[in-house]
Amino acid sequence: MSRIKTVFRAGHKALIAYVTVGYPSLEATLKVVPRLASGGADIIELGIPFSDPLADGVTIQKASFHALQNGVTPETCLGVARQLREKTDVPLVFMTYYNPIFSYGLKEFVAASARSGIDGLIVPDLPPEEGVELEGLAQAAGLDLIYLLAPNSSEERIRLVAERSRGFIYLVSVTGVTGAREDLPTNLATFVARVRKVASQPLCVGFGISRPEQAKKIASLANGVIVGSRLIQLMEEDESLMAAQRLVIELRRALDSSVS
């Protein structure tokens, strides 16, 4: 059983936290990830900075730009993953775009990720129709390749992702980019239900989640929540990183209360 799969146990709602590697500094990444894990995050997404992050909103775009300016590369991220694996046992997932993987070499990147203690890959711009090669390499290396679905996904696309995604399915709450939002979309329950009809994997919802009450509402629909932009903002505002850790603690309490 993969380390990711063990997170989704009965009576537990998963909390997945995203950070951009190298933002605001490599030291901050190495410090904040164990704090988020100790605060209750079940899985950590490590964002590999990329120059054209199509799925990301202003906050994560800015973080990626800053990290790139600081010289962060995929090789840097692999090194950070190795160091983090020594500090925490929670599953680590690379969130990256296809170009950095292709440039590194698919086989080489997957092998290096596995050696670094990475448990899964999320590649927002890789459709399942084009993911067969990476899927095979990832599966052979013991990594879960996690696909995304958006509210406007066709029934055919939902079925395809349900057949191919491993670990969990990443449900994008809105058609658009990442970023903290005040309100959850009104059609979220319908979207989750559409996927639930055909998918046996856990379903985790991301994009726009920033407050405990939002997380608790989503927990009534899905198996987990994904929070990124708000954590990045808090890391900007509070260099001690305590604010980011407090948010994770509050989100964990909200998710736990949803199943108590």
C-alpha atoms as a PDB file:
ATOM      1  CA  MET A   1       0.000   0.000   0.000  1.00  0.00           C
ATOM      2  CA  SER A   2       1.328   3.438  -0.911  1.00  0.00           C
ATOM      3  CA  ARG A   3       2.055   5.937   1.828  1.00  0.00           C
ATOM      4  CA  ILE A   4      -0.604   8.231   0.319  1.00  0.00           C
ATOM      5  CA  LYS A   5      -3.278   5.550   0.444  1.00  0.00           C
ATOM      6  CA  THR A   6      -2.725   5.016   4.168  1.00  0.00           C
ATOM      7  CA  VAL A   7      -3.865   8.601   4.820  1.00  0.00           C
ATOM      8  CA  PHE A   8      -7.403   7.876   3.683  1.00  0.00           C
ATOM      9  CA  ARG A   9      -8.543   5.697   6.546  1.00  0.00           C
ATOM     10  CA  ALA A  10     -12.108   5.353   7.737  1.00  0.00           C
ATOM     11  CA  GLY A  11     -13.375   8.242   9.836  1.00  0.00           C
ATOM     12  CA  HIS A  12     -10.553  10.588   8.831  1.00  0.00           C
ATOM     13  CA  LYS A  13     -10.585  13.579   6.492  1.00  0.00           C
ATOM     14  CA  ALA A  14      -7.277  14.353   4.806  1.00  0.00           C
ATOM     15  CA  LEU A  15      -5.622  17.754   4.998  1.00  0.00           C
ATOM     16  CA  ILE A  16      -3.183  18.442   2.166  1.00  0.00           C
ATOM     17  CA  ALA A  17      -0.956  21.512   2.408  1.00  0.00           C
ATOM     18  CA  TYR A  18       0.897  23.125  -0.507  1.00  0.00           C
ATOM     19  CA  VAL A  19       4.143  25.091  -0.365  1.00  0.00           C
ATOM     20  CA  THR A  20       6.341  26.385  -3.178  1.00  0.00           C
ATOM     21  CA  VAL A  21       9.860  25.033  -2.743  1.00  0.00           C
ATOM     22  CA  GLY A  22      12.240  27.920  -2.114  1.00  0.00           C
ATOM     23  CA  TYR A  23       9.637  30.527  -1.223  1.00  0.00           C
ATOM     24  CA  PRO A  24      10.243  32.728   0.573  1.00  0.00           C
ATOM     25  CA  SER A  25      13.524  30.808   0.981  1.00  0.00           C
ATOM     26  CA  LEU A  26      14.819  27.267   1.014  1.00  0.00           C
ATOM     27  CA  GLU A  27      15.330  27.584   4.747  1.00  0.00           C
ATOM     28  CA  ALA A  28      11.656  28.507   5.170  1.00  0.00           C
ATOM     29  CA  THR A  29      10.559  25.459   3.175  1.00  0.00           C
ATOM     30  CA  LEU A  30      12.690  23.140   5.290  1.00  0.00           C
ATOM     31  CA  LYS A  31      11.321  24.721   8.455  1.00  0.00           C
ATOM     32  CA  VAL A  32       7.636  25.036   7.574  1.00  0.00           C
ATOM     33  CA  VAL A  33       6.956  21.540   6.212  1.00  0.00           C
ATOM     34  CA  PRO A  34       7.643  19.712   9.520  1.00  0.00           C
ATOM     35  CA  ARG A  35       5.574  22.365  11.314  1.00  0.00           C
ATOM     36  CA  LEU A  36       2.625  21.852   8.978  1.00  0.00           C
ATOM     37  CA  ALA A  37       2.925  18.102   9.441  1.00  0.00           C
ATOM     38  CA  SER A  38       3.003  18.407  13.222  1.00  0.00           C
ATOM     39  CA  GLY A  39       0.024  20.764  13.029  1.00  0.00           C
ATOM     40  CA  GLY A  40      -2.082  18.110  11.328  1.00  0.00           C
ATOM     41  CA  ALA A  41      -1.322  18.145   7.593  1.00  0.00           C
ATOM     42  CA  ASP A  42      -1.540  14.586   6.252  1.00  0.00           C
ATOM     43  CA  ILE A  43       0.172  15.180   2.900  1.00  0.00           C
ATOM     44  CA  ILE A  44       2.505  17.960   1.779  1.00  0.00           C
ATOM     45  CA  GLU A  45       2.543  19.171  -1.813  1.00  0.00           C
ATOM     46  CA  LEU A  46       5.945  20.541  -2.787  1.00  0.00           C
ATOM     47  CA  GLY A  47       5.528  22.934  -5.691  1.00  0.00           C
ATOM     48  CA  ILE A  48       8.403  22.928  -8.172  1.00  0.00           C
ATOM     49  CA  PRO A  49       8.605  26.532  -9.412  1.00  0.00           C
ATOM     50  CA  PHE A  50       7.928  26.980 -13.128  1.00  0.00           C
ATOM     51  CA  SER A  51       8.003  30.044 -15.355  1.00  0.00           C
ATOM     52  CA  ASP A  52       4.534  29.490 -16.856  1.00  0.00           C
ATOM     53  CA  PRO A  53       2.285  28.069 -14.098  1.00  0.00           C
ATOM     54  CA  LEU A  54      -1.010  28.087 -16.012  1.00  0.00           C
ATOM     55  CA  ALA A  55      -3.149  26.634 -13.210  1.00  0.00           C
ATOM     56  CA  ASP A  56      -1.881  28.975 -10.514  1.00  0.00           C
ATOM     57  CA  GLY A  57      -3.237  32.310  -9.386  1.00  0.00           C
ATOM     58  CA  VAL A  58      -1.326  35.452  -8.478  1.00  0.00           C
ATOM     59  CA  THR A  59      -0.113  34.265  -5.066  1.00  0.00           C
ATOM     60  CA  ILE A  60       1.540  31.053  -6.257  1.00  0.00           C
ATOM     61  CA  GLN A  61       2.727  32.675  -9.489  1.00  0.00           C
ATOM     62  CA  LYS A  62       4.545  35.257  -7.399  1.00  0.00           C
ATOM     63  CA  ALA A  63       6.015  32.567  -5.169  1.00  0.00           C
ATOM     64  CA  SER A  64       7.243  30.594  -8.194  1.00  0.00           C
ATOM     65  CA  PHE A  65       8.781  33.678  -9.783  1.00  0.00           C
ATOM     66  CA  HIS A  66      10.592  34.560  -6.565  1.00  0.00           C
ATOM     67  CA  ALA A  67      11.878  30.996  -6.133  1.00  0.00           C
ATOM     68  CA  LEU A  68      13.130  30.917  -9.734  1.00  0.00           C
ATOM     69  CA  GLN A  69      14.874  34.238  -9.183  1.00  0.00           C
ATOM     70  CA  ASN A  70      16.586  32.606  -6.207  1.00  0.00           C
ATOM     71  CA  GLY A  71      17.871  29.852  -8.476  1.00  0.00           C
ATOM     72  CA  VAL A  72      15.544  27.030  -7.427  1.00  0.00           C
ATOM     73  CA  THR A  73      15.573  24.196  -9.973  1.00  0.00           C
ATOM     74  CA  PRO A  74      14.053  20.696 -10.085  1.00  0.00           C
ATOM     75  CA  GLU A  75      17.409  19.420  -8.808  1.00  0.00           C
ATOM     76  CA  THR A  76      17.125  21.826  -5.864  1.00  0.00           C
ATOM     77  CA  CYS A  77      13.632  20.518  -5.133  1.00  0.00           C
ATOM     78  CA  LEU A  78      14.849  16.922  -5.150  1.00  0.00           C
ATOM     79  CA  GLY A  79      17.491  17.875  -2.607  1.00  0.00           C
ATOM     80  CA  VAL A  80      14.904  19.599  -0.428  1.00  0.00           C
ATOM     81  CA  ALA A  81      12.680  16.512  -0.609  1.00  0.00           C
ATOM     82  CA  ARG A  82      15.566  14.337   0.573  1.00  0.00           C
ATOM     83  CA  GLN A  83      16.155  16.598   3.556  1.00  0.00           C
ATOM     84  CA  LEU A  84      12.441  16.745   4.407  1.00  0.00           C
ATOM     85  CA  ARG A  85      12.097  12.973   4.266  1.00  0.00           C
ATOM     86  CA  GLU A  86      14.592  12.841   7.127  1.00  0.00           C
ATOM     87  CA  LYS A  87      12.425  15.261   9.138  1.00  0.00           C
ATOM     88  CA  THR A  88       8.901  13.898   8.585  1.00  0.00           C
ATOM     89  CA  ASP A  89       7.072  10.694   7.673  1.00  0.00           C
ATOM     90  CA  VAL A  90       4.055  12.318   5.985  1.00  0.00           C
ATOM     91  CA  PRO A  91       3.621  11.654   2.269  1.00  0.00           C
ATOM     92  CA  LEU A  92       5.387  14.168   0.023  1.00  0.00           C
ATOM     93  CA  VAL A  93       3.997  14.948  -3.429  1.00  0.00           C
ATOM     94  CA  PHE A  94       5.652  17.014  -6.141  1.00  0.00           C
ATOM     95  CA  MET A  95       3.281  19.455  -7.841  1.00  0.00           C
ATOM     96  CA  THR A  96       4.904  20.387 -11.121  1.00  0.00           C
ATOM     97  CA  TYR A  97       4.190  21.052 -14.757  1.00  0.00           C
ATOM     98  CA  TYR A  98       5.117  18.679 -17.539  1.00  0.00           C
ATOM     99  CA  ASN A  99       7.884  20.783 -19.077  1.00  0.00           C
ATOM    100  CA  PRO A 100      10.301  20.504 -16.120  1.00  0.00           C
ATOM    101  CA  ILE A 101       9.771  16.729 -16.023  1.00  0.00           C
ATOM    102  CA  PHE A 102      10.256  16.410 -19.791  1.00  0.00           C
ATOM    103  CA  SER A 103      13.382  18.574 -19.702  1.00  0.00           C
ATOM    104  CA  TYR A 104      14.842  16.521 -16.844  1.00  0.00           C
ATOM    105  CA  GLY A 105      13.919  13.277 -18.567  1.00  0.00           C
ATOM    106  CA  LEU A 106      10.819  11.324 -17.538  1.00  0.00           C
ATOM    107  CA  LYS A 107      12.628   8.180 -16.450  1.00  0.00           C
ATOM    108  CA  GLU A 108      15.365  10.131 -14.682  1.00  0.00           C
ATOM    109  CA  PHE A 109      12.935  12.447 -12.888  1.00  0.00           C
ATOM    110  CA  VAL A 110      10.742   9.620 -11.618  1.00  0.00           C
ATOM    111  CA  ALA A 111      13.741   7.644 -10.403  1.00  0.00           C
ATOM    112  CA  ALA A 112      15.242  10.695  -8.690  1.00  0.00           C
ATOM    113  CA  SER A 113      11.905  11.523  -7.071  1.00  0.00           C
ATOM    114  CA  ALA A 114      11.584   8.015  -5.663  1.00  0.00           C
ATOM    115  CA  ARG A 115      15.129   8.133  -4.313  1.00  0.00           C
ATOM    116  CA  SER A 116      14.351  11.480  -2.664  1.00  0.00           C
ATOM    117  CA  GLY A 117      11.382  10.100  -0.753  1.00  0.00           C
ATOM    118  CA  ILE A 118       8.612  11.511  -2.940  1.00  0.00           C
ATOM    119  CA  ASP A 119       5.359   9.516  -2.864  1.00  0.00           C
ATOM    120  CA  GLY A 120       3.389  11.027  -5.742  1.00  0.00           C
ATOM    121  CA  LEU A 121       3.224  13.492  -8.617  1.00  0.00           C
ATOM    122  CA  ILE A 122       0.578  16.053  -9.570  1.00  0.00           C
ATOM    123  CA  VAL A 123       0.999  17.461 -13.087  1.00  0.00           C
ATOM    124  CA  PRO A 124      -1.854  19.904 -13.828  1.00  0.00           C
ATOM    125  CA  ASP A 125      -1.122  20.284 -17.538  1.00  0.00           C
ATOM    126  CA  LEU A 126      -0.812  16.549 -18.237  1.00  0.00           C
ATOM    127  CA  PRO A 127      -4.120  15.107 -19.508  1.00  0.00           C
ATOM    128  CA  PRO A 128      -4.628  11.372 -18.909  1.00  0.00           C
ATOM    129  CA  GLU A 129      -4.756  10.804 -22.665  1.00  0.00           C
ATOM    130  CA  GLU A 130      -1.069  11.773 -22.780  1.00  0.00           C
ATOM    131  CA  GLY A 131       0.054  10.382 -19.441  1.00  0.00           C
ATOM    132  CA  VAL A 132       0.576   6.699 -20.213  1.00  0.00           C
ATOM    133  CA  GLU A 133       4.392   6.821 -20.287  1.00  0.00           C
ATOM    134  CA  LEU A 134       4.714   8.802 -17.070  1.00  0.00           C
ATOM    135  CA  GLU A 135       2.067   6.608 -15.414  1.00  0.00           C
ATOM    136  CA  GLY A 136       4.021   3.460 -16.206  1.00  0.00           C
ATOM    137  CA  LEU A 137       7.288   4.885 -14.925  1.00  0.00           C
ATOM    138  CA  ALA A 138       5.651   6.237 -11.776  1.00  0.00           C
ATOM    139  CA  GLN A 139       3.875   2.997 -10.996  1.00  0.00           C
ATOM    140  CA  ALA A 140       7.064   0.984 -11.454  1.00  0.00           C
ATOM    141  CA  ALA A 141       8.848   3.338  -9.028  1.00  0.00           C
ATOM    142  CA  GLY A 142       6.059   3.177  -6.449  1.00  0.00           C
ATOM    143  CA  LEU A 143       4.825   6.725  -7.052  1.00  0.00           C
ATOM    144  CA  ASP A 144       1.170   7.723  -7.397  1.00  0.00           C
ATOM    145  CA  LEU A 145       0.367   9.875 -10.443  1.00  0.00           C
ATOM    146  CA  ILE A 146      -2.597  11.991  -9.367  1.00  0.00           C
ATOM    147  CA  TYR A 147      -4.885  13.476 -12.011  1.00  0.00           C
ATOM    148  CA  LEU A 148      -7.128  16.527 -11.755  1.00  0.00           C
ATOM    149  CA  LEU A 149     -10.763  17.066 -12.668  1.00  0.00           C
ATOM    150  CA  ALA A 150     -12.558  20.392 -13.086  1.00  0.00           C
ATOM    151  CA  PRO A 151     -16.285  21.131 -12.709  1.00  0.00           C
ATOM    152  CA  ASN A 152     -16.670  21.318 -16.484  1.00  0.00           C
ATOM    153  CA  SER A 153     -15.084  17.880 -17.057  1.00  0.00           C
ATOM    154  CA  SER A 154     -17.070  15.666 -19.388  1.00  0.00           C
ATOM    155  CA  GLU A 155     -18.435  12.315 -18.260  1.00  0.00           C
ATOM    156  CA  GLU A 156     -15.878  10.659 -20.528  1.00  0.00           C
ATOM    157  CA  ARG A 157     -13.006  12.552 -18.868  1.00  0.00           C
ATOM    158  CA  ILE A 158     -14.321  11.694 -15.393  1.00  0.00           C
ATOM    159  CA  ARG A 159     -14.419   8.001 -16.305  1.00  0.00           C
ATOM    160  CA  LEU A 160     -10.903   8.152 -17.745  1.00  0.00           C
ATOM    161  CA  VAL A 161      -9.444   9.838 -14.660  1.00  0.00           C
ATOM    162  CA  ALA A 162     -11.312   7.379 -12.428  1.00  0.00           C
ATOM    163  CA  GLU A 163      -9.580   4.553 -14.286  1.00  0.00           C
ATOM    164  CA  ARG A 164      -6.102   6.075 -14.190  1.00  0.00           C
ATOM    165  CA  SER A 165      -5.544   8.313 -11.160  1.00  0.00           C
ATOM    166  CA  ARG A 166      -3.691   6.743  -8.251  1.00  0.00           C
ATOM    167  CA  GLY A 167      -3.610   7.813  -4.596  1.00  0.00           C
ATOM    168  CA  PHE A 168      -6.556  10.184  -4.915  1.00  0.00           C
ATOM    169  CA  ILE A 169      -8.305  12.396  -7.450  1.00  0.00           C
ATOM    170  CA  TYR A 170      -7.706  16.144  -7.217  1.00  0.00           C
ATOM    171  CA  LEU A 171     -10.995  17.979  -7.719  1.00  0.00           C
ATOM    172  CA  VAL A 172     -10.576  21.593  -8.784  1.00  0.00           C
ATOM    173  CA  SER A 173     -13.412  23.452  -7.067  1.00  0.00           C
ATOM    174  CA  VAL A 174     -13.706  26.134  -9.760  1.00  0.00           C
ATOM    175  CA  THR A 175     -12.941  26.543 -13.439  1.00  0.00           C
ATOM    176  CA  GLY A 176      -9.971  28.873 -13.181  1.00  0.00           C
ATOM    177  CA  VAL A 177      -6.743  29.265 -11.249  1.00  0.00           C
ATOM    178  CA  THR A 178      -5.694  28.749  -7.657  1.00  0.00           C
ATOM    179  CA  GLY A 179      -6.237  31.430  -5.031  1.00  0.00           C
ATOM    180  CA  ALA A 180      -7.984  32.018  -1.718  1.00  0.00           C
ATOM    181  CA  ARG A 181     -11.690  32.820  -2.160  1.00  0.00           C
ATOM    182  CA  GLU A 182     -14.433  34.052   0.125  1.00  0.00           C
ATOM    183  CA  ASP A 183     -17.111  31.594  -0.940  1.00  0.00           C
ATOM    184  CA  LEU A 184     -17.251  28.042  -2.182  1.00  0.00           C
ATOM    185  CA  PRO A 185     -18.916  27.451  -5.568  1.00  0.00           C
ATOM    186  CA  THR A 186     -22.601  26.595  -5.381  1.00  0.00           C
ATOM    187  CA  ASN A 187     -22.223  23.616  -7.718  1.00  0.00           C
ATOM    188  CA  LEU A 188     -19.485  21.894  -5.705  1.00  0.00           C
ATOM    189  CA  ALA A 189     -21.740  19.213  -4.208  1.00  0.00           C
ATOM    190  CA  THR A 190     -23.093  18.316  -7.639  1.00  0.00           C
ATOM    191  CA  PHE A 191     -19.574  18.108  -9.063  1.00  0.00           C
ATOM    192  CA  VAL A 192     -18.336  15.838  -6.268  1.00  0.00           C
ATOM    193  CA  ALA A 193     -21.404  13.620  -6.650  1.00  0.00           C
ATOM    194  CA  ARG A 194     -20.785  13.261 -10.415  1.00  0.00           C
ATOM    195  CA  VAL A 195     -17.263  12.004  -9.772  1.00  0.00           C
ATOM    196  CA  ARG A 196     -18.298   9.834  -6.831  1.00  0.00           C
ATOM    197  CA  LYS A 197     -20.631   7.851  -9.075  1.00  0.00           C
ATOM    198  CA  VAL A 198     -17.751   6.410 -11.079  1.00  0.00           C
ATOM    199  CA  ALA A 199     -14.601   6.794  -8.980  1.00  0.00           C
ATOM    200  CA  SER A 200     -13.463   4.516  -6.175  1.00  0.00           C
ATOM    201  CA  GLN A 201     -10.450   6.669  -5.234  1.00  0.00           C
ATOM    202  CA  PRO A 202     -10.576   9.255  -2.437  1.00  0.00           C
ATOM    203  CA  LEU A 203     -11.664  12.687  -3.675  1.00  0.00           C
ATOM    204  CA  CYS A 204      -9.827  15.792  -2.465  1.00  0.00           C
ATOM    205  CA  VAL A 205     -10.948  19.343  -3.226  1.00  0.00           C
ATOM    206  CA  GLY A 206      -8.583  22.237  -3.851  1.00  0.00           C
ATOM    207  CA  PHE A 207      -8.500  25.789  -5.274  1.00  0.00           C
ATOM    208  CA  GLY A 208      -9.953  28.558  -3.146  1.00  0.00           C
ATOM    209  CA  ILE A 209     -10.029  26.981   0.315  1.00  0.00           C
ATOM    210  CA  SER A 210      -8.696  29.316   2.981  1.00  0.00           C
ATOM    211  CA  ARG A 211     -10.838  29.037   6.142  1.00  0.00           C
ATOM    212  CA  PRO A 212     -11.788  26.288   8.607  1.00  0.00           C
ATOM    213  CA  GLU A 213     -15.506  26.662   7.959  1.00  0.00           C
ATOM    214  CA  GLN A 214     -14.917  26.072   4.240  1.00  0.00           C
ATOM    215  CA  ALA A 215     -12.852  22.986   4.997  1.00  0.00           C
ATOM    216  CA  LYS A 216     -15.556  21.606   7.275  1.00  0.00           C
ATOM    217  CA  LYS A 217     -18.196  22.086   4.595  1.00  0.00           C
ATOM    218  CA  ILE A 218     -16.079  20.324   1.988  1.00  0.00           C
ATOM    219  CA  ALA A 219     -15.401  17.481   4.427  1.00  0.00           C
ATOM    220  CA  SER A 220     -19.114  16.658   4.312  1.00  0.00           C
ATOM    221  CA  LEU A 221     -18.734  16.067   0.568  1.00  0.00           C
ATOM    222  CA  ALA A 222     -15.226  14.767  -0.062  1.00  0.00           C
ATOM    223  CA  ASN A 223     -12.383  12.807   1.546  1.00  0.00           C
ATOM    224  CA  GLY A 224      -9.994  15.706   1.938  1.00  0.00           C
ATOM    225  CA  VAL A 225      -9.142  19.336   1.309  1.00  0.00           C
ATOM    226  CA  ILE A 226      -6.122  21.001  -0.290  1.00  0.00           C
ATOM    227  CA  VAL A 227      -4.917  24.419   0.888  1.00  0.00           C
ATOM    228  CA  GLY A 228      -2.132  26.378  -0.772  1.00  0.00           C
ATOM    229  CA  SER A 229      -2.487  30.063  -1.570  1.00  0.00           C
ATOM    230  CA  ARG A 230      -3.577  31.075   1.917  1.00  0.00           C
ATOM    231  CA  LEU A 231      -0.605  29.270   3.440  1.00  0.00           C
ATOM    232  CA  ILE A 232       1.731  31.082   1.044  1.00  0.00           C
ATOM    233  CA  GLN A 233       0.172  34.406   2.049  1.00  0.00           C
ATOM    234  CA  LEU A 234       0.641  33.641   5.742  1.00  0.00           C
ATOM    235  CA  MET A 235       4.252  32.674   5.161  1.00  0.00           C
ATOM    236  CA  GLU A 236       4.741  36.081   3.532  1.00  0.00           C
ATOM    237  CA  GLU A 237       3.071  37.918   6.386  1.00  0.00           C
ATOM    238  CA  ASP A 238       4.730  36.074   9.277  1.00  0.00           C
ATOM    239  CA  GLU A 239       8.368  35.083   8.882  1.00  0.00           C
ATOM    240  CA  SER A 240       8.187  33.025  12.074  1.00  0.00           C
ATOM    241  CA  LEU A 241       5.838  30.679  10.139  1.00  0.00           C
ATOM    242  CA  MET A 242       3.619  30.369  13.193  1.00  0.00           C
ATOM    243  CA  ALA A 243       0.601  31.839  11.376  1.00  0.00           C
ATOM    244  CA  ALA A 244       0.789  29.152   8.699  1.00  0.00           C
ATOM    245  CA  GLN A 245       1.056  26.456  11.342  1.00  0.00           C
ATOM    246  CA  ARG A 246      -1.911  27.918  13.248  1.00  0.00           C
ATOM    247  CA  LEU A 247      -4.059  27.798  10.126  1.00  0.00           C
ATOM    248  CA  VAL A 248      -3.239  24.122   9.644  1.00  0.00           C
ATOM    249  CA  ILE A 249      -4.111  23.424  13.283  1.00  0.00           C
ATOM    250  CA  GLU A 250      -7.451  25.221  12.840  1.00  0.00           C
ATOM    251  CA  LEU A 251      -8.173  23.374   9.601  1.00  0.00           C
ATOM    252  CA  ARG A 252      -7.330  20.048  11.260  1.00  0.00           C
ATOM    253  CA  ARG A 253      -9.759  20.789  14.117  1.00  0.00           C
ATOM    254  CA  ALA A 254     -12.476  21.698  11.630  1.00  0.00           C
ATOM    255  CA  LEU A 255     -11.987  18.499   9.639  1.00  0.00           C
ATOM    256  CA  ASP A 256     -11.898  16.360  12.780  1.00  0.00           C
ATOM    257  CA  SER A 257     -15.099  17.959  14.050  1.00  0.00           C
ATOM    258  CA  SER A 258     -16.821  17.060  10.796  1.00  0.00           C
ATOM    259  CA  VAL A 259     -16.536  13.345  11.590  1.00  0.00           C
ATOM    260  CA  SER A 260     -16.924  13.419  15.360  1.00  0.00           C
END
